[in-house]
Each structure stands twice: as C-alpha cells, then as structure tokens.
C-alpha cells in the first residue's frame, strides 16, 4: 500500500460530505481547515485535519519522502467539468474571425459552419488521429486541475461518425486516470441530408445508433440540443425517451439562444442536468428550482460568443442547484481551462468565489453522478487534489485570472506530470 502525507497546508478546501448537489444559499458555504494536513493511501483520502492534531505515526512521515511540505499553498478537490466536447477534428478560428466581422452563431451555422463544419472534418479523420489529439487535450486539462470530465459526441451526425466518436471516448476512459463520463449527442443538429427530413434523422438515431451504443456500452447519458432551428421540445422528448429505453440518462442543451422550452422539457423527463441557460425567464427558473435537475452554466461559451452571461444570481437566489463547466469545443468555447471558468463565473456572473468553487467541484461531480467519489475532501473519496502555488487567499484564484496558480495536481493518489 502506498502512503503519502501532504502537510502545512495553508487551507484545506471543501471538507464535506454532501448527499446531493448544493443549492441556493448553501452554495456559499465552503468548509475549510486552516493549517492542515491530508493523508493519502493508494488512490483514496485516508484522513485529514489540523496540524495541531497530526497523529504521531503520520508526523513521522514529515521526515521521509512520503511527506510533502506545501507551506503557503491551498489544497482543494480537482475540478469536475460536467460538459465538454473534447473529441473533435480541428479548430475553427476562421469562424472566430467571422464573429469579429459581425456574423451571428446562427448565421455561421446556416452557411455550413458551426457544428456541420466540425462534422465534415470528423468524417475525414481516423479514429486513431481523433484519439491522439483528444489525448493531448485531456493531458493538458489534467495539468490545469481537471480530475473528472464529461465528453459528448455530436460531431459525427452519422451512424459511423457518432460511433467513432464514442469509441474514442471509450479508449480515453480506459487509458486515463481522469474520471470520464460519455454522452451521446447525436441530436446536436440535423445533417445536410436530413435538413428537410427531421423524422428520418431521428429514426436513424433511434434505430441504428442507439442499439449499437447500448450493446457496446458506449455512453452513460443522452443529450439533445433543444433550440429553435435545431430540435424542438417534442423532438427532444422523442430522442430522450428512446435513450431512456436503452438505459441512458438525459442531459439537455437548453435555452442557449432562445426560450426554447428545453429547461421544462428536461425537468419533466428527469434530466440529470440542463446546460447553458443563457436565456431564462421566471417560468424556466421556477421549473428548475423545483426539481432535482442541476443547471449547468457555461460562462466561457457566453463570453466567446459575446452573449449575456447566464443569470447565476437569479438562479441561486431561487434555490437552484448550479454547476459550472467549460463547454470545451472548437466553435463556441475553445478552452477547457476550469480555472478560467471559475474566474468568469465570479467576474461575469457575480458568483462568490465560494459559490463558484462549489459549483465547479461538488456540484460538477453530482452533474456526472460522481458525487460519492469526487468533488470534495472526504474520507474514502478518490485522492484527486489541486495543490496551488503559494497564494494569499482562496479568492486570489479567480481574482488573478491571468495567472496559472496550479502548483501540482494529484489524480487517484498519483501526481501527474
């Protein structure tokens, strides 16, 4: 059994057990232990506490290579990024320039850009090349403190393409120490051949994609882009119910561009999360607040698209459970840096640092059904830890948004390089 002691921690952050995601005022409660230590055995948290209560048998480790003195540093659970599109076949900086020139997201999509652009590139890419580029991205995110991530398909838009993406995600999952959840997002948009035949594409999803996905165990969740010009609430429900029949839990892209009805549809169908939420009204907020569904906010997507940030304060004040995620994708959020997401949540959405950290750790874990394993410092949970560089306070993390303040990252009890 391997054993490691991290000691002289300036502050051990998010020391809690939580049976469900935090909501409302509870998001601002972030329990910490000043001047502390944490003991790791194999891949699990074995014990922790204040330095004044360090047991003698563990104190002996401070004089060995099993002890790590982190004076001046904060230790917190790794980020849990519950919404990403990490597997893709190329960047789209040309569309970035189009946006600067004034084209809207919908206009770019209508002329063959956006999701369809990524779909064409993915069709030409081999599974091995997709895996290799995605692996590099995943390694970079782990070094930035992400210890768990959800990855969606959705750039295939064909039987072959969607299965190729999901098989890449399965390979990533088998090789990486990062905890990975897979989501089938075949209902991301309609491919060109089905622009005028929505029922035909939905039938393709139900009859040809879902049975193979279920047989090969390729996904945990099913997602639909419920939005004007994409999938209507009725179409969303048809796809989600087909996924439920194969054991896939729903997660919905909801209310990004319009009051699409995606929030209410997701809540009614028992979605684990409804994600985006840039466009909300009282009915949508009330529906989310009265449910067990988590609202996942993606501030870097709103930032990149120059859209209004999600109404985090209204959602929190209404008692909603809120998570933060990166939406890492080549078109609308080409960054998976969760440190930046946390900073944007504070700067753009007026979330307190405590709220943002909770939303990016424990609530992000629950938005991937990983709350029992990750997202907080608790005995028995996986030893997924961020050790910051020496900083003056926890609020300094989002405050100094342009600096990399990650010193070391431990995933499943091992420091990553």
Protein backbone atom coordinates (compact mmCIF):
# COMPACT_ATOMS: atom_id res chain seq x y z
CA UNK A 1 0.00 0.00 0.00
CA UNK A 2 1.37 3.44 -0.97
CA UNK A 3 1.08 6.22 1.58
CA UNK A 4 1.61 9.96 1.32
CA UNK A 5 1.20 12.89 3.69
CA UNK A 6 0.66 16.46 2.48
CA UNK A 7 1.17 18.86 5.36
CA UNK A 8 1.47 22.50 6.35
CA UNK A 9 -1.46 23.22 4.04
CA UNK A 10 -2.48 26.84 4.42
CA UNK A 11 -6.11 25.88 3.87
CA UNK A 12 -7.73 22.54 3.02
CA UNK A 13 -10.80 23.46 0.99
CA UNK A 14 -14.24 21.86 0.65
CA UNK A 15 -14.02 19.37 3.50
CA UNK A 16 -17.51 17.96 3.38
CA UNK A 17 -19.78 15.08 2.63
CA UNK A 18 -22.86 16.02 0.63
CA UNK A 19 -25.69 13.61 -0.22
CA UNK A 20 -26.95 15.80 -3.08
CA UNK A 21 -25.88 18.83 -5.07
CA UNK A 22 -25.78 22.12 -3.18
CA UNK A 23 -28.47 24.65 -3.99
CA UNK A 24 -29.39 28.21 -3.18
CA UNK A 25 -27.69 29.76 -0.16
CA UNK A 26 -25.81 26.53 0.60
CA UNK A 27 -23.58 27.20 -2.42
CA UNK A 28 -21.87 29.99 -0.48
CA UNK A 29 -20.88 27.62 2.34
CA UNK A 30 -17.37 26.30 1.65
CA UNK A 31 -15.94 24.47 4.68
CA UNK A 32 -12.15 24.70 5.12
CA UNK A 33 -9.48 23.69 7.64
CA UNK A 34 -6.68 26.17 8.25
CA UNK A 35 -3.06 24.98 8.75
CA UNK A 36 -3.87 21.39 7.94
CA UNK A 37 -2.74 18.04 6.58
CA UNK A 38 -4.20 15.25 4.43
CA UNK A 39 -3.15 11.59 4.34
CA UNK A 40 -3.45 9.56 1.13
CA UNK A 41 -3.39 5.76 0.97
CA UNK A 42 -3.23 4.31 -2.53
CA UNK A 43 -5.84 6.26 -4.52
CA UNK A 44 -8.04 7.33 -1.58
CA UNK A 45 -8.22 10.02 1.07
CA UNK A 46 -7.50 8.23 4.35
CA UNK A 47 -7.56 11.09 6.88
CA UNK A 48 -7.16 14.84 7.27
CA UNK A 49 -7.24 17.50 9.96
CA UNK A 50 -5.46 20.47 11.55
CA UNK A 51 -1.71 20.33 12.07
CA UNK A 52 -2.17 20.56 15.84
CA UNK A 53 -3.95 17.19 15.67
CA UNK A 54 -1.50 15.38 13.38
CA UNK A 55 -1.16 11.81 14.78
CA UNK A 56 2.38 10.78 15.80
CA UNK A 57 2.52 7.91 13.31
CA UNK A 58 1.77 10.33 10.47
CA UNK A 59 4.05 13.04 11.89
CA UNK A 60 6.97 10.69 11.31
CA UNK A 61 6.27 10.87 7.57
CA UNK A 62 7.26 14.55 7.52
CA UNK A 63 10.89 13.43 7.73
CA UNK A 64 10.58 10.97 4.82
CA UNK A 65 9.98 11.10 1.09
CA UNK A 66 6.36 10.19 1.80
CA UNK A 67 5.80 13.67 3.23
CA UNK A 68 5.24 16.81 1.16
CA UNK A 69 5.51 20.24 2.80
CA UNK A 70 3.23 22.70 0.95
CA UNK A 71 3.63 25.74 3.18
CA UNK A 72 1.64 28.68 1.81
CA UNK A 73 -0.43 26.55 -0.57
CA UNK A 74 -4.14 25.75 -0.66
CA UNK A 75 -5.39 22.22 -1.38
CA UNK A 76 -8.80 21.65 -2.94
CA UNK A 77 -10.54 18.90 -4.89
CA UNK A 78 -9.86 18.78 -8.61
CA UNK A 79 -12.32 20.42 -10.96
CA UNK A 80 -15.25 18.33 -12.18
CA UNK A 81 -16.07 19.51 -15.72
CA UNK A 82 -19.52 18.13 -16.48
CA UNK A 83 -19.96 19.46 -20.04
CA UNK A 84 -17.36 19.23 -22.80
CA UNK A 85 -16.93 18.31 -26.47
CA UNK A 86 -13.28 17.29 -26.11
CA UNK A 87 -13.17 14.99 -29.15
CA UNK A 88 -13.06 17.00 -32.38
CA UNK A 89 -11.08 17.02 -35.60
CA UNK A 90 -9.86 20.57 -35.96
CA UNK A 91 -10.05 24.16 -34.81
CA UNK A 92 -12.45 26.77 -36.22
CA UNK A 93 -10.59 30.04 -35.89
CA UNK A 94 -11.93 31.11 -39.28
CA UNK A 95 -15.38 31.32 -37.70
CA UNK A 96 -13.83 33.25 -34.83
CA UNK A 97 -12.86 35.89 -37.39
CA UNK A 98 -16.38 35.73 -38.91
CA UNK A 99 -17.80 36.53 -35.49
CA UNK A 100 -15.46 39.51 -35.18
CA UNK A 101 -16.81 40.71 -38.54
CA UNK A 102 -20.35 40.55 -37.18
CA UNK A 103 -21.82 37.19 -38.18
CA UNK A 104 -24.02 35.54 -35.57
CA UNK A 105 -23.77 31.95 -34.35
CA UNK A 106 -26.99 31.12 -36.23
CA UNK A 107 -25.74 32.79 -39.44
CA UNK A 108 -22.47 30.86 -39.35
CA UNK A 109 -24.38 27.62 -38.81
CA UNK A 110 -26.79 28.41 -41.65
CA UNK A 111 -23.95 28.79 -44.18
CA UNK A 112 -22.44 25.41 -43.34
CA UNK A 113 -20.22 26.46 -40.47
CA UNK A 114 -20.62 25.61 -36.83
CA UNK A 115 -21.45 22.03 -35.95
CA UNK A 116 -21.66 20.97 -39.61
CA UNK A 117 -18.11 22.24 -40.18
CA UNK A 118 -16.84 20.02 -37.36
CA UNK A 119 -18.90 17.10 -38.68
CA UNK A 120 -17.27 17.28 -42.10
CA UNK A 121 -13.80 17.34 -40.55
CA UNK A 122 -14.60 14.48 -38.23
CA UNK A 123 -15.86 12.33 -41.11
CA UNK A 124 -12.42 12.61 -42.72
CA UNK A 125 -10.48 11.87 -39.53
CA UNK A 126 -9.40 8.41 -38.45
CA UNK A 127 -10.26 7.05 -35.04
CA UNK A 128 -6.56 6.97 -34.13
CA UNK A 129 -6.00 10.60 -35.09
CA UNK A 130 -9.06 11.66 -33.08
CA UNK A 131 -7.81 9.71 -30.10
CA UNK A 132 -4.31 11.16 -30.26
CA UNK A 133 -5.45 14.79 -30.44
CA UNK A 134 -8.08 14.26 -27.73
CA UNK A 135 -5.49 12.57 -25.51
CA UNK A 136 -3.24 15.60 -25.78
CA UNK A 137 -6.09 17.91 -24.82
CA UNK A 138 -7.04 15.69 -21.89
CA UNK A 139 -3.48 15.70 -20.56
CA UNK A 140 -3.37 19.48 -20.73
CA UNK A 141 -6.65 19.79 -18.83
CA UNK A 142 -5.46 17.39 -16.14
CA UNK A 143 -2.39 19.56 -15.58
CA UNK A 144 -4.78 22.52 -15.15
CA UNK A 145 -6.62 20.68 -12.39
CA UNK A 146 -9.46 18.80 -14.09
CA UNK A 147 -9.88 15.39 -12.49
CA UNK A 148 -13.23 14.41 -13.98
CA UNK A 149 -14.83 15.32 -17.29
CA UNK A 150 -17.92 14.52 -19.33
CA UNK A 151 -17.27 14.20 -23.07
CA UNK A 152 -20.02 14.33 -25.70
CA UNK A 153 -20.29 13.00 -29.20
CA UNK A 154 -22.29 15.12 -31.64
CA UNK A 155 -19.83 15.96 -34.41
CA UNK A 156 -20.45 12.69 -36.23
CA UNK A 157 -24.09 13.19 -37.25
CA UNK A 158 -24.00 9.80 -38.96
CA UNK A 159 -24.02 6.25 -37.66
CA UNK A 160 -20.33 5.80 -38.47
CA UNK A 161 -19.29 9.21 -37.16
CA UNK A 162 -21.15 9.09 -33.87
CA UNK A 163 -19.92 5.58 -33.10
CA UNK A 164 -16.37 6.63 -33.99
CA UNK A 165 -16.50 9.48 -31.51
CA UNK A 166 -17.95 7.36 -28.74
CA UNK A 167 -15.35 4.64 -29.29
CA UNK A 168 -12.63 7.29 -28.98
CA UNK A 169 -14.17 8.41 -25.68
CA UNK A 170 -14.22 4.79 -24.51
CA UNK A 171 -10.49 4.50 -25.32
CA UNK A 172 -9.74 7.69 -23.42
CA UNK A 173 -11.70 6.33 -20.48
CA UNK A 174 -9.78 3.06 -20.42
CA UNK A 175 -6.37 4.74 -20.55
CA UNK A 176 -6.71 7.91 -18.47
CA UNK A 177 -6.73 8.28 -14.69
CA UNK A 178 -9.14 11.19 -15.17
CA UNK A 179 -12.71 10.05 -14.46
CA UNK A 180 -14.63 10.26 -17.75
CA UNK A 181 -18.35 10.12 -18.49
CA UNK A 182 -19.59 9.66 -22.07
CA UNK A 183 -22.65 11.34 -23.57
CA UNK A 184 -24.35 10.51 -26.86
CA UNK A 185 -25.28 13.78 -28.59
CA UNK A 186 -26.33 12.52 -32.00
CA UNK A 187 -29.16 15.06 -31.76
CA UNK A 188 -26.77 18.02 -31.96
CA UNK A 189 -28.10 19.35 -35.26
CA UNK A 190 -29.59 17.95 -38.45
CA UNK A 191 -27.03 16.90 -41.09
CA UNK A 192 -27.47 18.34 -44.58
CA UNK A 193 -29.15 15.22 -45.94
CA UNK A 194 -31.88 15.46 -43.30
CA UNK A 195 -32.48 19.23 -43.19
CA UNK A 196 -35.98 18.66 -44.58
CA UNK A 197 -36.47 15.22 -43.04
CA UNK A 198 -36.26 15.58 -39.27
CA UNK A 199 -38.24 12.40 -38.68
CA UNK A 200 -35.81 10.46 -40.86
CA UNK A 201 -32.78 11.57 -38.85
CA UNK A 202 -34.50 10.90 -35.54
CA UNK A 203 -35.37 7.43 -36.85
CA UNK A 204 -31.68 6.93 -37.72
CA UNK A 205 -30.72 7.84 -34.15
CA UNK A 206 -33.30 5.52 -32.63
CA UNK A 207 -33.00 2.51 -34.93
CA UNK A 208 -29.34 2.47 -35.98
CA UNK A 209 -27.29 4.42 -33.43
CA UNK A 210 -28.82 3.69 -30.04
CA UNK A 211 -28.89 -0.14 -30.28
CA UNK A 212 -25.15 -0.27 -31.08
CA UNK A 213 -24.33 2.31 -28.38
CA UNK A 214 -26.21 0.23 -25.82
CA UNK A 215 -24.72 -3.08 -26.99
CA UNK A 216 -21.14 -1.75 -26.78
CA UNK A 217 -21.66 0.27 -23.57
CA UNK A 218 -20.51 3.45 -25.29
CA UNK A 219 -22.45 6.08 -23.34
CA UNK A 220 -23.78 6.97 -19.91
CA UNK A 221 -26.03 9.83 -21.00
CA UNK A 222 -28.12 11.04 -23.91
CA UNK A 223 -28.20 14.72 -24.82
CA UNK A 224 -30.24 16.82 -27.26
CA UNK A 225 -29.73 20.40 -28.45
CA UNK A 226 -33.23 21.69 -27.69
CA UNK A 227 -33.22 25.02 -29.51
CA UNK A 228 -35.00 26.97 -32.23
CA UNK A 229 -33.63 25.81 -35.57
CA UNK A 230 -32.35 22.58 -34.05
CA UNK A 231 -34.54 20.14 -32.05
CA UNK A 232 -37.97 21.15 -30.80
CA UNK A 233 -39.21 20.13 -27.34
CA UNK A 234 -41.33 17.39 -28.93
CA UNK A 235 -38.39 16.08 -30.96
CA UNK A 236 -36.19 16.31 -27.87
CA UNK A 237 -38.64 14.19 -25.90
CA UNK A 238 -38.78 11.55 -28.64
CA UNK A 239 -34.99 11.18 -28.68
CA UNK A 240 -34.66 11.26 -24.88
CA UNK A 241 -37.32 8.62 -24.34
CA UNK A 242 -35.57 6.36 -26.84
CA UNK A 243 -32.34 6.83 -24.93
CA UNK A 244 -34.05 6.12 -21.61
CA UNK A 245 -35.28 2.82 -23.07
CA UNK A 246 -31.60 1.88 -23.53
CA UNK A 247 -30.63 2.97 -20.01
CA UNK A 248 -29.16 6.38 -20.96
CA UNK A 249 -29.83 9.20 -18.51
CA UNK A 250 -30.82 12.52 -20.13
CA UNK A 251 -28.78 15.75 -20.10
CA UNK A 252 -30.18 18.60 -22.22
CA UNK A 253 -28.63 21.56 -24.07
CA UNK A 254 -31.29 24.09 -23.05
CA UNK A 255 -32.12 27.77 -23.53
CA UNK A 256 -28.82 28.84 -25.06
CA UNK A 257 -30.15 31.11 -27.79
CA UNK A 258 -33.86 31.36 -27.05
CA UNK A 259 -36.54 30.41 -24.53
CA UNK A 260 -36.60 27.02 -26.20
CA UNK A 261 -38.60 25.07 -23.62
CA UNK A 262 -35.53 22.92 -23.06
CA UNK A 263 -35.43 23.53 -19.31
CA UNK A 264 -39.03 22.49 -18.74
CA UNK A 265 -38.64 19.53 -21.09
CA UNK A 266 -35.50 18.38 -19.28
CA UNK A 267 -37.07 18.74 -15.85
CA UNK A 268 -40.18 16.84 -16.92
CA UNK A 269 -38.06 14.00 -18.30
CA UNK A 270 -35.91 13.78 -15.16
CA UNK A 271 -32.72 15.11 -16.76
CA UNK A 272 -29.62 14.95 -14.59
CA UNK A 273 -28.73 18.42 -15.85
CA UNK A 274 -29.91 21.14 -18.21
CA UNK A 275 -26.95 23.04 -19.61
CA UNK A 276 -26.26 26.55 -20.98
CA UNK A 277 -29.26 28.57 -19.67
CA UNK A 278 -28.18 31.90 -21.17
CA UNK A 279 -31.84 32.71 -21.89
CA UNK A 280 -34.11 32.22 -18.88
CA UNK A 281 -37.45 33.59 -17.69
CA UNK A 282 -39.36 33.17 -14.44
CA UNK A 283 -41.14 30.02 -15.60
CA UNK A 284 -37.89 28.30 -16.57
CA UNK A 285 -36.17 29.34 -13.33
CA UNK A 286 -39.12 28.18 -11.26
CA UNK A 287 -39.21 24.82 -13.05
CA UNK A 288 -35.51 24.25 -12.42
CA UNK A 289 -35.66 25.38 -8.78
CA UNK A 290 -38.49 22.97 -8.05
CA UNK A 291 -36.64 19.96 -9.44
CA UNK A 292 -33.68 17.71 -8.70
CA UNK A 293 -32.14 18.68 -12.06
CA UNK A 294 -28.85 20.60 -11.95
CA UNK A 295 -28.46 23.76 -14.01
CA UNK A 296 -25.01 23.72 -15.60
CA UNK A 297 -23.67 27.14 -16.55
CA UNK A 298 -21.03 27.59 -19.25
CA UNK A 299 -19.72 31.14 -18.89
CA UNK A 300 -16.80 30.74 -21.29
CA UNK A 301 -19.26 29.95 -24.12
CA UNK A 302 -21.27 33.11 -23.38
CA UNK A 303 -18.01 35.07 -23.23
CA UNK A 304 -16.68 33.71 -26.52
CA UNK A 305 -19.99 34.29 -28.33
CA UNK A 306 -20.39 37.76 -26.77
CA UNK A 307 -23.74 36.74 -25.33
CA UNK A 308 -25.11 37.86 -21.97
CA UNK A 309 -23.78 35.69 -19.17
CA UNK A 310 -26.14 33.21 -17.55
CA UNK A 311 -28.29 34.71 -14.75
CA UNK A 312 -26.46 32.90 -11.96
CA UNK A 313 -27.63 35.20 -9.17
CA UNK A 314 -31.30 34.78 -10.09
CA UNK A 315 -30.87 31.00 -10.31
CA UNK A 316 -29.06 30.74 -6.97
CA UNK A 317 -31.49 33.09 -5.23
CA UNK A 318 -34.39 30.97 -6.49
CA UNK A 319 -32.84 27.88 -4.90
CA UNK A 320 -31.50 26.13 -8.00
CA UNK A 321 -28.60 23.67 -7.89
CA UNK A 322 -25.86 25.15 -10.09
CA UNK A 323 -22.76 23.57 -11.63
CA UNK A 324 -20.02 25.16 -13.73
CA UNK A 325 -18.43 23.54 -16.77
CA UNK A 326 -16.19 24.50 -19.68
CA UNK A 327 -18.20 23.52 -22.79
CA UNK A 328 -14.76 22.92 -24.36
CA UNK A 329 -15.40 22.76 -28.11
CA UNK A 330 -13.85 24.20 -31.28
CA UNK A 331 -16.66 26.59 -32.17
CA UNK A 332 -18.03 28.40 -29.12
CA UNK A 333 -15.67 27.65 -26.22
CA UNK A 334 -12.18 26.64 -27.39
CA UNK A 335 -10.80 26.30 -23.86
CA UNK A 336 -11.23 23.64 -21.22
CA UNK A 337 -9.44 25.65 -18.52
CA UNK A 338 -11.73 25.37 -15.50
CA UNK A 339 -9.67 27.93 -13.58
CA UNK A 340 -10.77 30.48 -16.18
CA UNK A 341 -14.38 29.24 -15.94
CA UNK A 342 -14.35 29.83 -12.18
CA UNK A 343 -12.94 33.33 -12.69
CA UNK A 344 -15.55 34.14 -15.33
CA UNK A 345 -18.31 32.95 -13.00
CA UNK A 346 -17.14 35.47 -10.41
CA UNK A 347 -16.41 38.32 -12.81
CA UNK A 348 -19.24 37.91 -15.32
CA UNK A 349 -21.97 36.28 -13.25
CA UNK A 350 -21.25 37.79 -9.83
CA UNK A 351 -20.85 34.43 -8.13
CA UNK A 352 -18.88 34.47 -4.91
CA UNK A 353 -15.57 32.57 -5.05
CA UNK A 354 -17.06 30.03 -2.61
CA UNK A 355 -20.11 29.54 -4.83
CA UNK A 356 -18.02 29.16 -7.96
CA UNK A 357 -15.65 26.63 -6.36
CA UNK A 358 -18.56 24.56 -5.05
CA UNK A 359 -20.23 24.69 -8.47
CA UNK A 360 -17.02 23.55 -10.20
CA UNK A 361 -16.26 20.74 -7.72
CA UNK A 362 -19.01 19.06 -5.70
CA UNK A 363 -21.91 20.14 -7.92
CA UNK A 364 -19.97 19.31 -11.07
CA UNK A 365 -19.37 15.86 -9.62
CA UNK A 366 -23.10 15.37 -8.98
CA UNK A 367 -23.81 16.53 -12.54
CA UNK A 368 -21.82 13.45 -13.63
CA UNK A 369 -23.23 11.10 -10.96
CA UNK A 370 -19.81 11.14 -9.28
CA UNK A 371 -20.70 12.94 -6.05
CA UNK A 372 -19.96 9.88 -3.93
CA UNK A 373 -16.41 9.63 -5.32
CA UNK A 374 -15.27 13.14 -6.18
CA UNK A 375 -15.83 16.85 -5.69
CA UNK A 376 -14.94 17.32 -2.01
CA UNK A 377 -12.39 16.35 0.63
CA UNK A 378 -13.88 13.38 2.47
CA UNK A 379 -12.50 10.13 3.85
CA UNK A 380 -12.86 7.36 1.30
CA UNK A 381 -13.18 9.61 -1.72
CA UNK A 382 -10.67 9.47 -4.55
CA UNK A 383 -7.49 11.45 -3.86
CA UNK A 384 -7.99 13.96 -6.67
CA UNK A 385 -6.34 17.14 -5.44
CA UNK A 386 -5.19 20.54 -6.65
CA UNK A 387 -2.23 22.00 -4.76
CA UNK A 388 -1.97 25.68 -5.56
CA UNK A 389 1.19 27.71 -5.67
CA UNK A 390 1.58 29.83 -2.52
CA UNK A 391 -1.21 32.43 -2.71
CA UNK A 392 -2.55 34.98 -0.22
CA UNK A 393 -6.18 33.79 -0.15
CA UNK A 394 -8.68 31.49 -1.81
CA UNK A 395 -10.32 34.47 -3.55
CA UNK A 396 -6.96 35.09 -5.24
CA UNK A 397 -7.67 32.12 -7.56
CA UNK A 398 -10.45 33.86 -9.55
CA UNK A 399 -9.01 37.32 -8.88
CA UNK A 400 -5.69 36.62 -10.61
CA UNK A 401 -7.43 35.10 -13.62
CA UNK A 402 -4.49 35.50 -15.99
CA UNK A 403 -2.00 33.52 -13.92
CA UNK A 404 -1.57 29.77 -13.70
CA UNK A 405 -1.76 29.22 -9.95
CA UNK A 406 -1.76 25.42 -10.11
CA UNK A 407 1.33 24.02 -8.43
CA UNK A 408 0.70 20.27 -8.57
CA UNK A 409 -2.24 18.03 -9.42
CA UNK A 410 -2.89 14.61 -7.92
CA UNK A 411 -5.31 12.21 -9.58
CA UNK A 412 -6.16 8.92 -7.90
CA UNK A 413 -3.26 9.32 -5.50
CA UNK A 414 -0.60 9.98 -8.13
CA UNK A 415 0.93 13.30 -9.11
CA UNK A 416 0.60 13.96 -12.81
CA UNK A 417 3.38 15.40 -14.94
